[in-house]
Amino acid sequence: ITLEALGDALDLKDAETEGHSRRVTAYTIAIAKKMGLQNEEIRVIARGAFLHDVGKISIPDKILNKPGKLTVDETEIMKEHAYLGYKILSKIPFLAEAAEIVYSHQEKYDGTGYPRGLKGDQIPLGARIFSIADTLDAMTMDRVYRPAQSFQAARKEIEAWAGRQFDPGIVAVYLEMPDNIWEGLRNDISGPNPPFAAKV
């Protein structure tokens, strides 16, 4: 209930990405299960995935909801959301491990991400899984600046960025999973009673 309340608060703050946290959590869980991770580790990862953008609560509305391109200064403020989310969650004992995923969710496998420029296995496993799930959802949902693309197009993009943005080992696992898995999960999440709370 606490997690869902935080997620709902973020959806109210950032209407464009409504439902994103639930979908990306479902996708992250599916990949983690395919990797054979233990249930407790999956629960931690799911919490981090669901709350990855909670730091945006601290970002000014005029930046978060700006219709045009952000300035350099505004971009730097927006980038603070990963650390701000970490600060919020690390104070809550049962979310301390998930906070590390929130802190690292914008890192890239080749070290070009932010806020710490972590590389390869320096990035928590949950954040490396989440990165693929996040791109999958971002590409396959409508945005103000572009229409949704297909799951097949997302698959090609993720495969192309293996070893740069994404962990190539996790990409290999993702590529083994058929696209109808993602379509089914998206439909479940959009339904009247999304099967979410029990998973995190």
Protein backbone atom coordinates (compact mmCIF):
# COMPACT_ATOMS: atom_id res chain seq x y z
CA ILE A 1 0.00 0.00 0.00
CA THR A 2 2.86 2.37 0.86
CA LEU A 3 4.58 1.65 -2.44
CA GLU A 4 1.43 2.15 -4.47
CA ALA A 5 0.72 5.44 -2.68
CA LEU A 6 4.20 6.72 -3.60
CA GLY A 7 3.72 5.57 -7.19
CA ASP A 8 0.31 7.24 -7.43
CA ALA A 9 1.78 10.47 -6.06
CA LEU A 10 4.35 10.43 -8.83
CA ASP A 11 1.72 9.74 -11.49
CA LEU A 12 -0.15 12.85 -10.31
CA LYS A 13 3.07 14.85 -10.52
CA ASP A 14 4.06 13.59 -13.98
CA ALA A 15 0.86 12.78 -15.90
CA GLU A 16 2.65 11.97 -19.18
CA THR A 17 4.15 8.82 -17.72
CA GLU A 18 1.02 7.59 -15.91
CA GLY A 19 1.16 3.82 -15.60
CA HIS A 20 4.84 3.75 -16.58
CA SER A 21 6.02 2.65 -13.12
CA ARG A 22 3.62 -0.32 -13.08
CA ARG A 23 4.48 -1.44 -16.62
CA VAL A 24 8.23 -1.14 -16.18
CA THR A 25 8.00 -3.06 -12.89
CA ALA A 26 6.11 -5.89 -14.59
CA TYR A 27 8.68 -6.02 -17.41
CA THR A 28 11.57 -5.96 -14.92
CA ILE A 29 10.04 -8.81 -12.90
CA ALA A 30 9.57 -10.88 -16.07
CA ILE A 31 13.22 -10.52 -17.08
CA ALA A 32 14.44 -11.21 -13.53
CA LYS A 33 12.35 -14.41 -13.41
CA LYS A 34 13.71 -15.51 -16.78
CA MET A 35 17.21 -15.03 -15.33
CA GLY A 36 16.31 -17.40 -12.49
CA LEU A 37 16.75 -14.92 -9.64
CA GLN A 38 15.44 -15.78 -6.19
CA ASN A 39 12.05 -14.40 -5.12
CA GLU A 40 13.45 -12.12 -2.41
CA GLU A 41 15.93 -10.55 -4.83
CA ILE A 42 13.14 -10.08 -7.36
CA ARG A 43 11.04 -8.29 -4.73
CA VAL A 44 13.88 -5.86 -3.99
CA ILE A 45 14.42 -5.23 -7.69
CA ALA A 46 10.67 -4.73 -8.24
CA ARG A 47 10.54 -2.10 -5.50
CA GLY A 48 13.44 -0.24 -7.06
CA ALA A 49 11.85 -0.42 -10.51
CA PHE A 50 8.49 0.81 -9.27
CA LEU A 51 10.01 3.75 -7.38
CA HIS A 52 12.78 4.60 -9.87
CA ASP A 53 11.43 8.09 -10.58
CA VAL A 54 10.28 8.98 -7.06
CA GLY A 55 12.95 11.70 -6.92
CA LYS A 56 11.00 13.62 -9.56
CA ILE A 57 8.64 14.63 -6.76
CA SER A 58 11.41 17.07 -5.79
CA ILE A 59 11.86 18.48 -9.31
CA PRO A 60 10.08 21.83 -9.98
CA ASP A 61 6.89 21.45 -12.04
CA LYS A 62 8.03 24.05 -14.56
CA ILE A 63 10.95 21.75 -15.47
CA LEU A 64 9.19 18.41 -15.13
CA ASN A 65 6.25 19.46 -17.31
CA LYS A 66 8.04 21.78 -19.73
CA PRO A 67 6.67 21.07 -23.24
CA GLY A 68 9.85 22.05 -25.08
CA LYS A 69 13.49 21.07 -24.82
CA LEU A 70 15.17 21.62 -21.48
CA THR A 71 18.04 24.09 -21.17
CA VAL A 72 21.46 22.86 -20.03
CA ASP A 73 20.77 24.10 -16.49
CA GLU A 74 17.30 22.53 -16.45
CA THR A 75 18.75 19.23 -17.66
CA GLU A 76 21.25 19.24 -14.80
CA ILE A 77 18.42 19.83 -12.31
CA MET A 78 16.39 17.01 -13.86
CA LYS A 79 19.37 14.66 -13.57
CA GLU A 80 19.31 15.17 -9.79
CA HIS A 81 16.18 13.01 -9.53
CA ALA A 82 18.19 9.78 -9.25
CA TYR A 83 20.09 11.03 -6.19
CA LEU A 84 17.02 12.72 -4.70
CA GLY A 85 15.07 9.46 -4.99
CA TYR A 86 17.92 7.63 -3.30
CA LYS A 87 17.90 10.14 -0.44
CA ILE A 88 14.16 9.70 0.06
CA LEU A 89 14.15 5.89 0.03
CA SER A 90 17.42 5.16 1.84
CA LYS A 91 15.85 6.49 5.05
CA ILE A 92 13.17 3.77 4.92
CA PRO A 93 14.65 0.48 6.22
CA PHE A 94 12.71 -1.94 4.00
CA LEU A 95 13.53 0.15 0.91
CA ALA A 96 17.26 0.62 1.59
CA GLU A 97 18.33 -1.99 -0.99
CA ALA A 98 15.80 -0.74 -3.53
CA ALA A 99 17.23 2.77 -3.04
CA GLU A 100 20.51 1.61 -4.60
CA ILE A 101 18.61 0.69 -7.77
CA VAL A 102 16.89 4.08 -7.80
CA TYR A 103 20.28 5.78 -7.42
CA SER A 104 21.70 3.82 -10.36
CA HIS A 105 18.80 3.60 -12.81
CA GLN A 106 20.27 6.18 -15.22
CA GLU A 107 23.71 4.57 -15.38
CA LYS A 108 24.87 2.96 -18.64
CA TYR A 109 26.85 -0.23 -19.04
CA ASP A 110 29.74 1.58 -20.77
CA GLY A 111 30.07 4.15 -17.98
CA THR A 112 28.54 7.12 -19.82
CA GLY A 113 25.43 7.38 -17.61
CA TYR A 114 24.75 9.44 -14.49
CA PRO A 115 24.95 10.42 -11.66
CA ARG A 116 28.14 8.48 -10.79
CA GLY A 117 29.37 7.17 -14.15
CA LEU A 118 29.24 3.56 -12.96
CA LYS A 119 30.34 0.91 -15.46
CA GLY A 120 29.55 -2.77 -16.03
CA ASP A 121 29.13 -4.78 -12.85
CA GLN A 122 29.55 -1.62 -10.74
CA ILE A 123 25.91 -0.97 -11.61
CA PRO A 124 23.53 -2.94 -9.35
CA LEU A 125 22.03 -5.94 -11.14
CA GLY A 126 18.50 -4.63 -10.61
CA ALA A 127 19.35 -1.34 -12.29
CA ARG A 128 20.86 -3.20 -15.27
CA ILE A 129 17.67 -5.23 -15.67
CA PHE A 130 15.50 -2.16 -15.19
CA SER A 131 17.36 -0.24 -17.90
CA ILE A 132 16.13 -2.68 -20.55
CA ALA A 133 12.57 -2.71 -19.19
CA ASP A 134 12.52 1.10 -19.07
CA THR A 135 13.58 1.47 -22.70
CA LEU A 136 11.07 -1.19 -23.74
CA ASP A 137 8.23 0.76 -22.15
CA ALA A 138 9.42 4.20 -23.26
CA MET A 139 9.64 3.14 -26.90
CA THR A 140 6.30 1.32 -27.03
CA MET A 141 4.09 4.03 -25.48
CA ASP A 142 2.93 7.31 -27.04
CA ARG A 143 4.83 10.44 -26.07
CA VAL A 144 4.07 14.10 -26.82
CA TYR A 145 7.03 14.24 -29.19
CA ARG A 146 6.47 10.90 -31.02
CA PRO A 147 4.01 8.02 -31.45
CA ALA A 148 4.54 4.59 -29.90
CA GLN A 149 6.78 2.14 -31.74
CA SER A 150 6.33 -1.63 -31.94
CA PHE A 151 7.82 -4.16 -29.53
CA GLN A 152 9.80 -5.47 -32.51
CA ALA A 153 11.36 -2.02 -33.05
CA ALA A 154 12.23 -1.81 -29.35
CA ARG A 155 13.83 -5.26 -29.55
CA LYS A 156 16.11 -4.13 -32.40
CA GLU A 157 17.07 -0.95 -30.57
CA ILE A 158 17.91 -2.76 -27.33
CA GLU A 159 19.95 -5.37 -29.21
CA ALA A 160 21.85 -2.61 -31.04
CA TRP A 161 22.82 -0.93 -27.75
CA ALA A 162 24.01 -4.09 -25.98
CA GLY A 163 27.42 -3.48 -24.44
CA ARG A 164 26.95 0.29 -24.53
CA GLN A 165 23.74 1.25 -22.75
CA PHE A 166 22.77 -2.27 -21.69
CA ASP A 167 24.39 -5.30 -20.07
CA PRO A 168 24.89 -7.70 -23.02
CA GLY A 169 24.23 -10.76 -20.86
CA ILE A 170 20.84 -9.45 -19.78
CA VAL A 171 20.05 -8.36 -23.33
CA ALA A 172 20.65 -11.97 -24.43
CA VAL A 173 18.08 -13.16 -21.86
CA TYR A 174 15.58 -10.50 -22.98
CA LEU A 175 16.00 -11.49 -26.64
CA GLU A 176 14.95 -15.05 -25.77
CA MET A 177 11.56 -13.76 -24.58
CA PRO A 178 8.77 -13.41 -27.20
CA ASP A 179 7.07 -10.05 -27.73
CA ASN A 180 3.65 -11.39 -26.72
CA ILE A 181 4.91 -11.51 -23.12
CA TRP A 182 5.21 -7.71 -23.07
CA GLU A 183 1.89 -7.20 -24.81
CA GLY A 184 0.18 -9.45 -22.25
CA LEU A 185 1.78 -7.69 -19.30
CA ARG A 186 0.86 -4.27 -20.67
CA ASN A 187 -2.76 -5.37 -21.08
CA ASP A 188 -2.81 -6.80 -17.54
CA ILE A 189 -1.45 -3.56 -16.08
CA SER A 190 -4.04 -1.51 -18.00
CA GLY A 191 -6.90 -3.64 -16.67
CA PRO A 192 -9.24 -2.69 -13.81
CA ASN A 193 -7.36 -4.77 -11.21
CA PRO A 194 -3.68 -4.83 -12.15
CA PRO A 195 -1.87 -7.77 -10.46
CA PHE A 196 0.74 -5.57 -8.87
CA ALA A 197 0.73 -5.26 -5.06
CA ALA A 198 1.45 -8.91 -4.34
CA LYS A 199 4.61 -8.83 -6.46
CA VAL A 200 6.52 -6.16 -4.55
